[in-house]
C-alpha atoms as a PDB file:
ATOM      1  CA  MET A   1     -33.471  36.165 -48.734  1.00  0.00           C
ATOM      2  CA  ILE A   2     -32.642  34.114 -45.439  1.00  0.00           C
ATOM      3  CA  THR A   3     -36.186  34.604 -42.922  1.00  0.00           C
ATOM      4  CA  LEU A   4     -36.192  34.467 -39.514  1.00  0.00           C
ATOM      5  CA  LYS A   5     -37.871  30.587 -39.665  1.00  0.00           C
ATOM      6  CA  LYS A   6     -34.728  29.742 -42.255  1.00  0.00           C
ATOM      7  CA  LEU A   7     -32.448  30.932 -40.041  1.00  0.00           C
ATOM      8  CA  ARG A   8     -33.696  29.241 -37.216  1.00  0.00           C
ATOM      9  CA  SER A   9     -33.947  26.096 -39.002  1.00  0.00           C
ATOM     10  CA  VAL A  10     -29.924  26.610 -39.825  1.00  0.00           C
ATOM     11  CA  VAL A  11     -29.092  27.455 -36.491  1.00  0.00           C
ATOM     12  CA  VAL A  12     -31.150  23.680 -35.274  1.00  0.00           C
ATOM     13  CA  VAL A  13     -29.166  21.462 -37.998  1.00  0.00           C
ATOM     14  CA  SER A  14     -25.984  23.441 -37.279  1.00  0.00           C
ATOM     15  CA  LEU A  15     -26.197  22.540 -33.364  1.00  0.00           C
ATOM     16  CA  ILE A  16     -27.537  18.964 -34.307  1.00  0.00           C
ATOM     17  CA  VAL A  17     -24.009  18.603 -36.265  1.00  0.00           C
ATOM     18  CA  MET A  18     -22.474  20.120 -33.711  1.00  0.00           C
ATOM     19  CA  LEU A  19     -23.821  17.466 -31.206  1.00  0.00           C
ATOM     20  CA  VAL A  20     -22.928  14.441 -33.074  1.00  0.00           C
ATOM     21  CA  ALA A  21     -19.410  15.688 -34.156  1.00  0.00           C
ATOM     22  CA  VAL A  22     -18.712  16.411 -29.937  1.00  0.00           C
ATOM     23  CA  THR A  23     -20.385  12.535 -29.271  1.00  0.00           C
ATOM     24  CA  ALA A  24     -18.255  11.052 -31.861  1.00  0.00           C
ATOM     25  CA  GLY A  25     -15.008  13.258 -30.540  1.00  0.00           C
ATOM     26  CA  SER A  26     -16.157  11.533 -26.659  1.00  0.00           C
ATOM     27  CA  ALA A  27     -16.284   8.128 -27.984  1.00  0.00           C
ATOM     28  CA  LEU A  28     -13.375   8.552 -29.944  1.00  0.00           C
ATOM     29  CA  GLY A  29     -11.701   9.818 -26.716  1.00  0.00           C
ATOM     30  CA  ALA A  30     -12.908   7.485 -24.541  1.00  0.00           C
ATOM     31  CA  TYR A  31     -10.548   6.721 -21.312  1.00  0.00           C
ATOM     32  CA  PRO A  32      -8.055   5.184 -21.311  1.00  0.00           C
ATOM     33  CA  GLU A  33      -6.305   6.771 -24.470  1.00  0.00           C
ATOM     34  CA  LYS A  34      -2.867   5.753 -23.197  1.00  0.00           C
ATOM     35  CA  PRO A  35      -0.990   4.072 -20.562  1.00  0.00           C
ATOM     36  CA  ILE A  36      -1.783   4.534 -17.026  1.00  0.00           C
ATOM     37  CA  ASN A  37       1.170   5.447 -14.665  1.00  0.00           C
ATOM     38  CA  ILE A  38       0.862   4.282 -10.942  1.00  0.00           C
ATOM     39  CA  ILE A  39       3.550   5.198  -8.777  1.00  0.00           C
ATOM     40  CA  VAL A  40       4.891   2.926  -5.716  1.00  0.00           C
ATOM     41  CA  THR A  41       6.335   5.294  -3.034  1.00  0.00           C
ATOM     42  CA  TRP A  42       8.923   3.018  -1.372  1.00  0.00           C
ATOM     43  CA  GLY A  43      11.883   0.997  -3.480  1.00  0.00           C
ATOM     44  CA  PRO A  44      11.884  -1.884  -5.838  1.00  0.00           C
ATOM     45  CA  GLY A  45      11.484  -5.149  -4.422  1.00  0.00           C
ATOM     46  CA  GLY A  46       9.002  -4.293  -1.227  1.00  0.00           C
ATOM     47  CA  GLY A  47       5.591  -5.459  -0.698  1.00  0.00           C
ATOM     48  CA  VAL A  48       4.018  -2.650  -2.403  1.00  0.00           C
ATOM     49  CA  ASP A  49       6.128  -2.700  -5.303  1.00  0.00           C
ATOM     50  CA  VAL A  50       5.604  -6.624  -5.509  1.00  0.00           C
ATOM     51  CA  THR A  51       1.787  -6.278  -4.983  1.00  0.00           C
ATOM     52  CA  THR A  52       1.650  -3.422  -7.943  1.00  0.00           C
ATOM     53  CA  ARG A  53       3.407  -5.209 -10.315  1.00  0.00           C
ATOM     54  CA  VAL A  54       1.308  -7.924 -10.129  1.00  0.00           C
ATOM     55  CA  PHE A  55      -1.506  -5.872 -10.346  1.00  0.00           C
ATOM     56  CA  ALA A  56      -0.092  -4.079 -13.094  1.00  0.00           C
ATOM     57  CA  LYS A  57       0.696  -7.311 -15.339  1.00  0.00           C
ATOM     58  CA  HIS A  58      -3.200  -7.743 -15.769  1.00  0.00           C
ATOM     59  CA  VAL A  59      -4.319  -4.023 -16.560  1.00  0.00           C
ATOM     60  CA  GLU A  60      -3.979  -3.689 -20.172  1.00  0.00           C
ATOM     61  CA  LYS A  61      -6.477  -7.392 -20.611  1.00  0.00           C
ATOM     62  CA  TYR A  62      -9.408  -5.378 -19.129  1.00  0.00           C
ATOM     63  CA  LEU A  63      -8.721  -1.310 -19.985  1.00  0.00           C
ATOM     64  CA  GLY A  64      -7.131  -1.861 -23.022  1.00  0.00           C
ATOM     65  CA  GLN A  65      -3.791  -0.197 -22.114  1.00  0.00           C
ATOM     66  CA  PRO A  66      -0.776  -0.704 -20.304  1.00  0.00           C
ATOM     67  CA  MET A  67      -0.040  -0.094 -16.780  1.00  0.00           C
ATOM     68  CA  VAL A  68       3.457   1.310 -16.087  1.00  0.00           C
ATOM     69  CA  VAL A  69       5.485   1.254 -12.419  1.00  0.00           C
ATOM     70  CA  GLN A  70       7.263   3.983 -11.473  1.00  0.00           C
ATOM     71  CA  ASN A  71       9.275   4.036  -7.918  1.00  0.00           C
ATOM     72  CA  VAL A  72       9.420   7.250  -6.257  1.00  0.00           C
ATOM     73  CA  GLU A  73      11.123   7.068  -3.186  1.00  0.00           C
ATOM     74  CA  GLY A  74      11.299   9.188  -0.235  1.00  0.00           C
ATOM     75  CA  GLY A  75      10.003  10.808   3.248  1.00  0.00           C
ATOM     76  CA  GLY A  76       8.697   7.693   4.186  1.00  0.00           C
ATOM     77  CA  GLY A  77       6.564   7.602   1.609  1.00  0.00           C
ATOM     78  CA  SER A  78       5.442  11.381   0.957  1.00  0.00           C
ATOM     79  CA  VAL A  79       7.380  12.367  -1.733  1.00  0.00           C
ATOM     80  CA  GLY A  80       5.736   9.898  -3.865  1.00  0.00           C
ATOM     81  CA  PHE A  81       2.068  10.645  -2.405  1.00  0.00           C
ATOM     82  CA  THR A  82       3.206  14.334  -3.624  1.00  0.00           C
ATOM     83  CA  GLN A  83       3.633  13.651  -6.665  1.00  0.00           C
ATOM     84  CA  VAL A  84       0.566  12.307  -7.899  1.00  0.00           C
ATOM     85  CA  LEU A  85      -1.219  15.161  -6.047  1.00  0.00           C
ATOM     86  CA  LYS A  86       0.371  17.721  -7.891  1.00  0.00           C
ATOM     87  CA  SER A  87       0.060  15.670 -11.327  1.00  0.00           C
ATOM     88  CA  ARG A  88      -2.937  15.815 -13.266  1.00  0.00           C
ATOM     89  CA  ALA A  89      -5.842  14.610 -11.997  1.00  0.00           C
ATOM     90  CA  ASP A  90      -7.011  13.163 -15.408  1.00  0.00           C
ATOM     91  CA  GLY A  91      -6.897   9.100 -14.577  1.00  0.00           C
ATOM     92  CA  TYR A  92      -3.485   8.865 -16.090  1.00  0.00           C
ATOM     93  CA  THR A  93      -1.280   9.204 -12.616  1.00  0.00           C
ATOM     94  CA  LEU A  94      -2.545   6.831  -9.618  1.00  0.00           C
ATOM     95  CA  THR A  95      -0.899   5.156  -6.438  1.00  0.00           C
ATOM     96  CA  MET A  96      -0.793   2.213  -4.965  1.00  0.00           C
ATOM     97  CA  ALA A  97      -1.330   3.284  -1.577  1.00  0.00           C
ATOM     98  CA  ALA A  98      -0.526   1.193   1.791  1.00  0.00           C
ATOM     99  CA  SER A  99      -1.614   2.237   5.292  1.00  0.00           C
ATOM    100  CA  PRO A 100       1.410   4.644   6.151  1.00  0.00           C
ATOM    101  CA  ILE A 101      -0.685   7.225   4.022  1.00  0.00           C
ATOM    102  CA  MET A 102      -2.911   7.416   7.119  1.00  0.00           C
ATOM    103  CA  VAL A 103      -0.084   8.480   9.206  1.00  0.00           C
ATOM    104  CA  HIS A 104       1.580  10.985   7.351  1.00  0.00           C
ATOM    105  CA  PRO A 105      -0.320  14.043   8.032  1.00  0.00           C
ATOM    106  CA  TYR A 106       0.088  13.585  11.468  1.00  0.00           C
ATOM    107  CA  THR A 107       3.813  13.149  11.622  1.00  0.00           C
ATOM    108  CA  ILE A 108       5.694  14.384   8.476  1.00  0.00           C
ATOM    109  CA  GLU A 109       6.134  18.298   8.761  1.00  0.00           C
ATOM    110  CA  GLY A 110       4.656  20.031   5.420  1.00  0.00           C
ATOM    111  CA  VAL A 111       2.730  17.021   4.237  1.00  0.00           C
ATOM    112  CA  ALA A 112      -0.435  18.929   2.559  1.00  0.00           C
ATOM    113  CA  TYR A 113      -2.489  15.520   1.958  1.00  0.00           C
ATOM    114  CA  LYS A 114      -4.323  12.854   4.069  1.00  0.00           C
ATOM    115  CA  TYR A 115      -6.452   9.820   2.990  1.00  0.00           C
ATOM    116  CA  SER A 116      -9.123  12.009   1.826  1.00  0.00           C
ATOM    117  CA  SER A 117      -7.291  14.350  -0.839  1.00  0.00           C
ATOM    118  CA  PHE A 118      -7.410  10.921  -2.639  1.00  0.00           C
ATOM    119  CA  GLU A 119     -10.337   8.733  -4.293  1.00  0.00           C
ATOM    120  CA  PRO A 120     -10.286   5.450  -3.677  1.00  0.00           C
ATOM    121  CA  VAL A 121     -10.476   2.839  -6.356  1.00  0.00           C
ATOM    122  CA  GLY A 122      -9.935  -0.449  -4.920  1.00  0.00           C
ATOM    123  CA  MET A 123      -8.104  -2.541  -2.048  1.00  0.00           C
ATOM    124  CA  LEU A 124      -6.150  -5.865  -2.815  1.00  0.00           C
ATOM    125  CA  THR A 125      -4.596  -7.007   0.177  1.00  0.00           C
ATOM    126  CA  PHE A 126      -3.945  -6.610   3.629  1.00  0.00           C
ATOM    127  CA  ASP A 127      -0.375  -7.949   4.611  1.00  0.00           C
ATOM    128  CA  PRO A 128       0.451  -8.510   8.290  1.00  0.00           C
ATOM    129  CA  VAL A 129       3.770  -8.190   9.337  1.00  0.00           C
ATOM    130  CA  LEU A 130       6.435 -10.436  10.513  1.00  0.00           C
ATOM    131  CA  LEU A 131       9.134 -10.321  13.221  1.00  0.00           C
ATOM    132  CA  LEU A 132      11.980 -11.835  11.622  1.00  0.00           C
ATOM    133  CA  VAL A 133      15.718 -13.035  13.029  1.00  0.00           C
ATOM    134  CA  LYS A 134      18.431 -14.316  11.391  1.00  0.00           C
ATOM    135  CA  THR A 135      19.144 -18.367  11.431  1.00  0.00           C
ATOM    136  CA  GLY A 136      21.755 -19.171  13.425  1.00  0.00           C
ATOM    137  CA  SER A 137      22.385 -16.016  15.102  1.00  0.00           C
ATOM    138  CA  ASN A 138      22.283 -15.317  19.177  1.00  0.00           C
ATOM    139  CA  PHE A 139      18.687 -14.488  18.494  1.00  0.00           C
ATOM    140  CA  ASP A 140      17.532 -17.630  16.483  1.00  0.00           C
ATOM    141  CA  MET A 141      14.895 -18.403  19.432  1.00  0.00           C
ATOM    142  CA  GLU A 142      11.241 -18.733  19.675  1.00  0.00           C
ATOM    143  CA  ALA A 143       9.211 -16.080  20.295  1.00  0.00           C
ATOM    144  CA  LYS A 144       8.335 -16.342  23.416  1.00  0.00           C
ATOM    145  CA  GLU A 145      11.816 -16.283  24.553  1.00  0.00           C
ATOM    146  CA  PHE A 146      12.915 -13.414  22.129  1.00  0.00           C
ATOM    147  CA  LEU A 147      10.247 -11.162  23.874  1.00  0.00           C
ATOM    148  CA  GLU A 148      11.115 -12.161  27.389  1.00  0.00           C
ATOM    149  CA  PHE A 149      14.887 -11.119  26.198  1.00  0.00           C
ATOM    150  CA  VAL A 150      13.503  -7.845  25.115  1.00  0.00           C
ATOM    151  CA  ARG A 151      11.634  -7.192  28.277  1.00  0.00           C
ATOM    152  CA  GLU A 152      14.784  -7.751  30.310  1.00  0.00           C
ATOM    153  CA  ASN A 153      16.962  -5.968  28.301  1.00  0.00           C
ATOM    154  CA  PRO A 154      14.957  -2.532  27.366  1.00  0.00           C
ATOM    155  CA  GLY A 155      16.192  -0.565  24.220  1.00  0.00           C
ATOM    156  CA  LYS A 156      19.404  -2.802  23.730  1.00  0.00           C
ATOM    157  CA  LEU A 157      17.810  -5.003  21.281  1.00  0.00           C
ATOM    158  CA  LEU A 158      18.509  -3.613  17.218  1.00  0.00           C
ATOM    159  CA  LEU A 159      15.047  -3.961  15.416  1.00  0.00           C
ATOM    160  CA  GLY A 160      14.881  -2.907  11.645  1.00  0.00           C
ATOM    161  CA  VAL A 161      11.335  -0.919  10.886  1.00  0.00           C
ATOM    162  CA  GLY A 162      11.768   0.163   7.451  1.00  0.00           C
ATOM    163  CA  SER A 163      10.775   3.498   6.769  1.00  0.00           C
ATOM    164  CA  HIS A 164      10.890   6.185   9.350  1.00  0.00           C
ATOM    165  CA  TRP A 165       6.906   6.321  10.128  1.00  0.00           C
ATOM    166  CA  GLY A 166       6.346   3.504   7.911  1.00  0.00           C
ATOM    167  CA  SER A 167       3.950   0.742   8.256  1.00  0.00           C
ATOM    168  CA  HIS A 168       7.043  -1.308  10.019  1.00  0.00           C
ATOM    169  CA  ASP A 169       7.698   1.040  12.124  1.00  0.00           C
ATOM    170  CA  PHE A 170       3.674   1.734  13.368  1.00  0.00           C
ATOM    171  CA  ALA A 171       3.817  -1.825  13.898  1.00  0.00           C
ATOM    172  CA  ARG A 172       6.963  -1.543  16.241  1.00  0.00           C
ATOM    173  CA  ALA A 173       4.923   1.482  18.039  1.00  0.00           C
ATOM    174  CA  GLN A 174       1.864  -0.267  18.662  1.00  0.00           C
ATOM    175  CA  ILE A 175       3.628  -3.795  20.006  1.00  0.00           C
ATOM    176  CA  GLU A 176       6.270  -1.693  22.580  1.00  0.00           C
ATOM    177  CA  MET A 177       2.466   0.500  23.622  1.00  0.00           C
ATOM    178  CA  ALA A 178       0.582  -3.017  24.200  1.00  0.00           C
ATOM    179  CA  THR A 179       3.812  -4.671  25.932  1.00  0.00           C
ATOM    180  CA  GLY A 180       5.933  -2.223  27.437  1.00  0.00           C
ATOM    181  CA  LEU A 181       8.798  -3.427  25.879  1.00  0.00           C
ATOM    182  CA  GLU A 182      11.075  -1.205  24.440  1.00  0.00           C
ATOM    183  CA  PHE A 183      13.413  -1.809  21.306  1.00  0.00           C
ATOM    184  CA  GLN A 184      15.992   0.004  19.482  1.00  0.00           C
ATOM    185  CA  ARG A 185      14.396   0.805  16.371  1.00  0.00           C
ATOM    186  CA  VAL A 186      16.727   1.226  13.181  1.00  0.00           C
ATOM    187  CA  ALA A 187      15.011   2.950  10.456  1.00  0.00           C
ATOM    188  CA  PHE A 188      15.614   2.875   6.670  1.00  0.00           C
ATOM    189  CA  SER A 189      14.470   4.779   3.669  1.00  0.00           C
ATOM    190  CA  ALA A 190      13.388   1.987   1.188  1.00  0.00           C
ATOM    191  CA  GLY A 191      11.428  -0.012   3.405  1.00  0.00           C
ATOM    192  CA  GLY A 192      11.365  -3.387   4.775  1.00  0.00           C
ATOM    193  CA  LYS A 193      13.751  -4.941   1.924  1.00  0.00           C
ATOM    194  CA  GLU A 194      16.165  -2.860   3.473  1.00  0.00           C
ATOM    195  CA  GLY A 195      16.217  -4.138   7.099  1.00  0.00           C
ATOM    196  CA  VAL A 196      16.030  -7.790   5.556  1.00  0.00           C
ATOM    197  CA  THR A 197      19.544  -7.026   3.995  1.00  0.00           C
ATOM    198  CA  ALA A 198      20.851  -5.677   7.250  1.00  0.00           C
ATOM    199  CA  LEU A 199      19.887  -8.611   8.996  1.00  0.00           C
ATOM    200  CA  LEU A 200      21.279 -11.116   6.931  1.00  0.00           C
ATOM    201  CA  GLY A 201      24.455  -8.707   7.100  1.00  0.00           C
ATOM    202  CA  GLY A 202      24.586  -8.816  11.029  1.00  0.00           C
ATOM    203  CA  HIS A 203      23.631  -4.944  11.735  1.00  0.00           C
ATOM    204  CA  ILE A 204      20.429  -5.794  13.389  1.00  0.00           C
ATOM    205  CA  ASN A 205      19.360  -8.116  15.614  1.00  0.00           C
ATOM    206  CA  ALA A 206      15.887  -8.527  14.009  1.00  0.00           C
ATOM    207  CA  THR A 207      13.916  -7.092  11.748  1.00  0.00           C
ATOM    208  CA  ILE A 208      10.245  -6.280  10.603  1.00  0.00           C
ATOM    209  CA  ALA A 209       8.982  -6.919   7.185  1.00  0.00           C
ATOM    210  CA  TYR A 210       6.356  -8.360   4.945  1.00  0.00           C
ATOM    211  CA  PHE A 211       6.363 -11.710   3.563  1.00  0.00           C
ATOM    212  CA  ALA A 212       7.153 -10.424  -0.189  1.00  0.00           C
ATOM    213  CA  GLU A 213      10.028  -8.374   1.262  1.00  0.00           C
ATOM    214  CA  ALA A 214      11.569 -11.446   2.691  1.00  0.00           C
ATOM    215  CA  ARG A 215      10.040 -14.477   1.011  1.00  0.00           C
ATOM    216  CA  SER A 216      13.372 -15.935  -0.890  1.00  0.00           C
ATOM    217  CA  ASN A 217      15.320 -15.610   2.555  1.00  0.00           C
ATOM    218  CA  ILE A 218      12.678 -17.361   4.310  1.00  0.00           C
ATOM    219  CA  GLN A 219      12.284 -20.261   1.606  1.00  0.00           C
ATOM    220  CA  GLU A 220      15.992 -20.408   1.816  1.00  0.00           C
ATOM    221  CA  GLY A 221      16.188 -20.544   5.635  1.00  0.00           C
ATOM    222  CA  THR A 222      18.737 -18.170   6.072  1.00  0.00           C
ATOM    223  CA  LEU A 223      15.943 -15.718   8.091  1.00  0.00           C
ATOM    224  CA  LYS A 224      13.345 -17.267  10.831  1.00  0.00           C
ATOM    225  CA  VAL A 225       9.793 -15.507  11.398  1.00  0.00           C
ATOM    226  CA  ILE A 226       9.228 -16.060  14.925  1.00  0.00           C
ATOM    227  CA  ALA A 227       5.694 -14.029  14.971  1.00  0.00           C
ATOM    228  CA  MET A 228       3.404 -12.423  12.333  1.00  0.00           C
ATOM    229  CA  GLY A 229       0.477 -10.109  12.738  1.00  0.00           C
ATOM    230  CA  GLY A 230      -2.287 -11.486  11.003  1.00  0.00           C
ATOM    231  CA  MET A 231      -5.858 -12.348  12.453  1.00  0.00           C
ATOM    232  CA  GLU A 232      -5.172 -16.040  12.363  1.00  0.00           C
ATOM    233  CA  ARG A 233      -2.014 -17.946  11.139  1.00  0.00           C
ATOM    234  CA  SER A 234      -0.688 -17.698   7.580  1.00  0.00           C
ATOM    235  CA  PRO A 235      -1.315 -20.203   4.964  1.00  0.00           C
ATOM    236  CA  PHE A 236       2.419 -19.242   4.107  1.00  0.00           C
ATOM    237  CA  LEU A 237       3.420 -19.851   7.437  1.00  0.00           C
ATOM    238  CA  PRO A 238       1.372 -22.191   9.293  1.00  0.00           C
ATOM    239  CA  GLU A 239       4.183 -23.125  11.714  1.00  0.00           C
ATOM    240  CA  VAL A 240       4.171 -19.447  12.776  1.00  0.00           C
ATOM    241  CA  PRO A 241       2.445 -18.223  15.683  1.00  0.00           C
ATOM    242  CA  THR A 242       0.222 -14.843  15.580  1.00  0.00           C
ATOM    243  CA  LEU A 243       0.759 -11.991  18.449  1.00  0.00           C
ATOM    244  CA  LYS A 244      -2.567 -12.592  19.938  1.00  0.00           C
ATOM    245  CA  GLU A 245      -1.584 -16.319  20.349  1.00  0.00           C
ATOM    246  CA  LEU A 246       1.446 -15.217  22.057  1.00  0.00           C
ATOM    247  CA  GLY A 247      -0.834 -12.997  24.583  1.00  0.00           C
ATOM    248  CA  ILE A 248      -0.446  -9.746  22.550  1.00  0.00           C
ATOM    249  CA  ASP A 249      -3.776  -8.710  21.695  1.00  0.00           C
ATOM    250  CA  LEU A 250      -2.837  -6.801  18.258  1.00  0.00           C
ATOM    251  CA  VAL A 251      -3.515  -7.356  14.186  1.00  0.00           C
ATOM    252  CA  LEU A 252      -0.558  -5.519  12.596  1.00  0.00           C
ATOM    253  CA  GLY A 253      -0.172  -5.468   8.994  1.00  0.00           C
ATOM    254  CA  THR A 254      -0.783  -3.028   5.880  1.00  0.00           C
ATOM    255  CA  TRP A 255      -3.177  -2.813   3.602  1.00  0.00           C
ATOM    256  CA  ARG A 256      -2.688  -2.083  -0.358  1.00  0.00           C
ATOM    257  CA  GLY A 257      -5.114  -0.249  -2.605  1.00  0.00           C
ATOM    258  CA  ILE A 258      -5.351   2.147  -5.688  1.00  0.00           C
ATOM    259  CA  LEU A 259      -6.097   5.463  -4.988  1.00  0.00           C
ATOM    260  CA  ALA A 260      -6.774   8.344  -7.667  1.00  0.00           C
ATOM    261  CA  PRO A 261      -6.262  12.471  -7.335  1.00  0.00           C
ATOM    262  CA  LYS A 262      -9.058  13.981  -5.597  1.00  0.00           C
ATOM    263  CA  GLY A 263     -10.567  15.226  -8.781  1.00  0.00           C
ATOM    264  CA  THR A 264     -10.183  12.651 -11.576  1.00  0.00           C
ATOM    265  CA  PRO A 265     -13.451  12.658 -13.773  1.00  0.00           C
ATOM    266  CA  GLU A 266     -16.055  10.590 -12.596  1.00  0.00           C
ATOM    267  CA  GLU A 267     -15.812   8.868 -15.897  1.00  0.00           C
ATOM    268  CA  ALA A 268     -12.127   7.690 -15.229  1.00  0.00           C
ATOM    269  CA  LEU A 269     -13.101   6.494 -11.692  1.00  0.00           C
ATOM    270  CA  ALA A 270     -15.876   4.700 -13.513  1.00  0.00           C
ATOM    271  CA  VAL A 271     -13.897   2.641 -15.719  1.00  0.00           C
ATOM    272  CA  LEU A 272     -10.855   2.265 -13.059  1.00  0.00           C
ATOM    273  CA  ARG A 273     -13.040   0.689 -10.487  1.00  0.00           C
ATOM    274  CA  ASP A 274     -14.654  -1.481 -12.980  1.00  0.00           C
ATOM    275  CA  GLY A 275     -11.643  -2.791 -14.358  1.00  0.00           C
ATOM    276  CA  PHE A 276     -10.175  -2.925 -10.439  1.00  0.00           C
ATOM    277  CA  VAL A 277     -13.565  -5.317  -9.972  1.00  0.00           C
ATOM    278  CA  LYS A 278     -12.893  -7.491 -13.114  1.00  0.00           C
ATOM    279  CA  ILE A 279      -9.116  -7.962 -12.291  1.00  0.00           C
ATOM    280  CA  VAL A 280      -9.502  -8.878  -8.627  1.00  0.00           C
ATOM    281  CA  ASN A 281     -12.115 -11.432  -9.582  1.00  0.00           C
ATOM    282  CA  ASP A 282      -9.709 -13.060 -12.697  1.00  0.00           C
ATOM    283  CA  PRO A 283      -8.342 -16.734 -11.215  1.00  0.00           C
ATOM    284  CA  GLU A 284      -5.263 -15.454 -12.825  1.00  0.00           C
ATOM    285  CA  PHE A 285      -4.972 -12.727 -11.542  1.00  0.00           C
ATOM    286  CA  LEU A 286      -5.561 -14.208  -7.978  1.00  0.00           C
ATOM    287  CA  GLU A 287      -2.980 -17.016  -8.255  1.00  0.00           C
ATOM    288  CA  ASP A 288      -0.151 -14.415  -9.181  1.00  0.00           C
ATOM    289  CA  LEU A 289      -1.361 -12.516  -6.530  1.00  0.00           C
ATOM    290  CA  GLU A 290      -0.992 -15.582  -4.269  1.00  0.00           C
ATOM    291  CA  LYS A 291       2.176 -16.579  -5.916  1.00  0.00           C
ATOM    292  CA  SER A 292       3.996 -13.387  -4.632  1.00  0.00           C
ATOM    293  CA  GLY A 293       3.155 -13.814  -1.275  1.00  0.00           C
ATOM    294  CA  ASN A 294      -0.370 -11.514  -0.903  1.00  0.00           C
ATOM    295  CA  VAL A 295      -3.093 -13.278   0.414  1.00  0.00           C
ATOM    296  CA  PRO A 296      -6.122 -11.854  -1.354  1.00  0.00           C
ATOM    297  CA  VAL A 297      -8.288  -9.277   0.886  1.00  0.00           C
ATOM    298  CA  ILE A 298     -10.107  -7.250  -1.449  1.00  0.00           C
ATOM    299  CA  ALA A 299     -12.820  -4.266  -1.203  1.00  0.00           C
ATOM    300  CA  GLU A 300     -14.038  -2.226  -3.793  1.00  0.00           C
ATOM    301  CA  ALA A 301     -14.517   1.627  -3.522  1.00  0.00           C
ATOM    302  CA  LYS A 302     -16.692   2.324  -1.060  1.00  0.00           C
ATOM    303  CA  GLU A 303     -15.999   0.194   1.325  1.00  0.00           C
ATOM    304  CA  PHE A 304     -12.159   0.682   1.150  1.00  0.00           C
ATOM    305  CA  GLY A 305     -13.417   4.879   1.487  1.00  0.00           C
ATOM    306  CA  ALA A 306     -15.485   3.442   4.904  1.00  0.00           C
ATOM    307  CA  MET A 307     -12.195   1.435   6.256  1.00  0.00           C
ATOM    308  CA  MET A 308      -9.692   4.501   5.924  1.00  0.00           C
ATOM    309  CA  GLU A 309     -12.153   6.974   7.412  1.00  0.00           C
ATOM    310  CA  LYS A 310     -12.819   4.639  10.211  1.00  0.00           C
ATOM    311  CA  GLU A 311      -9.058   3.868  10.323  1.00  0.00           C
ATOM    312  CA  ASP A 312      -7.927   7.568  10.181  1.00  0.00           C
ATOM    313  CA  VAL A 313      -9.433   8.367  13.941  1.00  0.00           C
ATOM    314  CA  ALA A 314      -7.478   4.990  15.457  1.00  0.00           C
ATOM    315  CA  VAL A 315      -4.418   5.948  14.325  1.00  0.00           C
ATOM    316  CA  GLN A 316      -3.709   8.762  16.050  1.00  0.00           C
ATOM    317  CA  LYS A 317      -3.615   7.231  19.204  1.00  0.00           C
ATOM    318  CA  VAL A 318      -0.009   5.791  18.094  1.00  0.00           C
ATOM    319  CA  VAL A 319       0.907   9.069  15.955  1.00  0.00           C
ATOM    320  CA  GLU A 320       0.927  10.515  19.771  1.00  0.00           C
ATOM    321  CA  LYS A 321       3.822   7.904  20.557  1.00  0.00           C
ATOM    322  CA  LEU A 322       5.949   8.192  17.260  1.00  0.00           C
ATOM    323  CA  LYS A 323       5.471  12.197  17.993  1.00  0.00           C
ATOM    324  CA  ALA A 324       7.208  11.747  20.942  1.00  0.00           C
ATOM    325  CA  GLU A 325      10.179   9.724  19.895  1.00  0.00           C
ATOM    326  CA  GLN A 326      11.146  12.429  17.464  1.00  0.00           C
END
């Protein structure tokens, strides 16, 4: 006969067995159990794509699983970001975001996200914009002469700006606002690399791009950088003046950082953030990042999130101009 006391003992023992089983199952199912997918919302060969592939190369060493890079183009990046948010928030789908994500909710109709729809993992780099011309062309001139030409010929110079409302276009708008200059912008669908190709083909007069997007052409001498948007001169281009040196009080470029969809389990975020810190402190990773044409500018999750919050306020001033140009 099973007494109440015995029944209680059986229940207690059963609960202990269940607890041990669950704990063991959790240990066996520790994140990550499979490859992590990271979506690049622009085309292959662009600055964000290059940065992502450098980071992904080092993930398995610290997380025990590879990181698979997937390019999902369209809508100035909005197609890819939307796909990330529609995926399961389980830590297995991330995105390498860049500054344009700050603009999307204000400029692209139907976008249902903003920076706060994601959880920050960490920022890798700040990449200043470059103003490029084709070597030997009619616009192969020093920056001051180039800017004076634009001033005297408003709306005539064809300027490549990557994707519509992307970071390249955002930089163009800020330059116009700060100087009163007027370019004839030529937008593409796949980012700055497409603008580089158009410039080489003589289809435009100048283009805004990032170093990784034009590196080989700069090194070959087929393209010339006449100005750049960093706080100081780039170690990769020490002879190129900053916009500030040219009297334009702007720092222009794009940050690149990893985001996860809102709702990603805290346990997975903790693993990702810890792995991020380890990777960005790995000398081999830093060497690879610099070889790719990126200067490391690292921010961990908390600092990265605060930076985006502050930027969200500032970006709305430029958005008004972009909307007026529609």
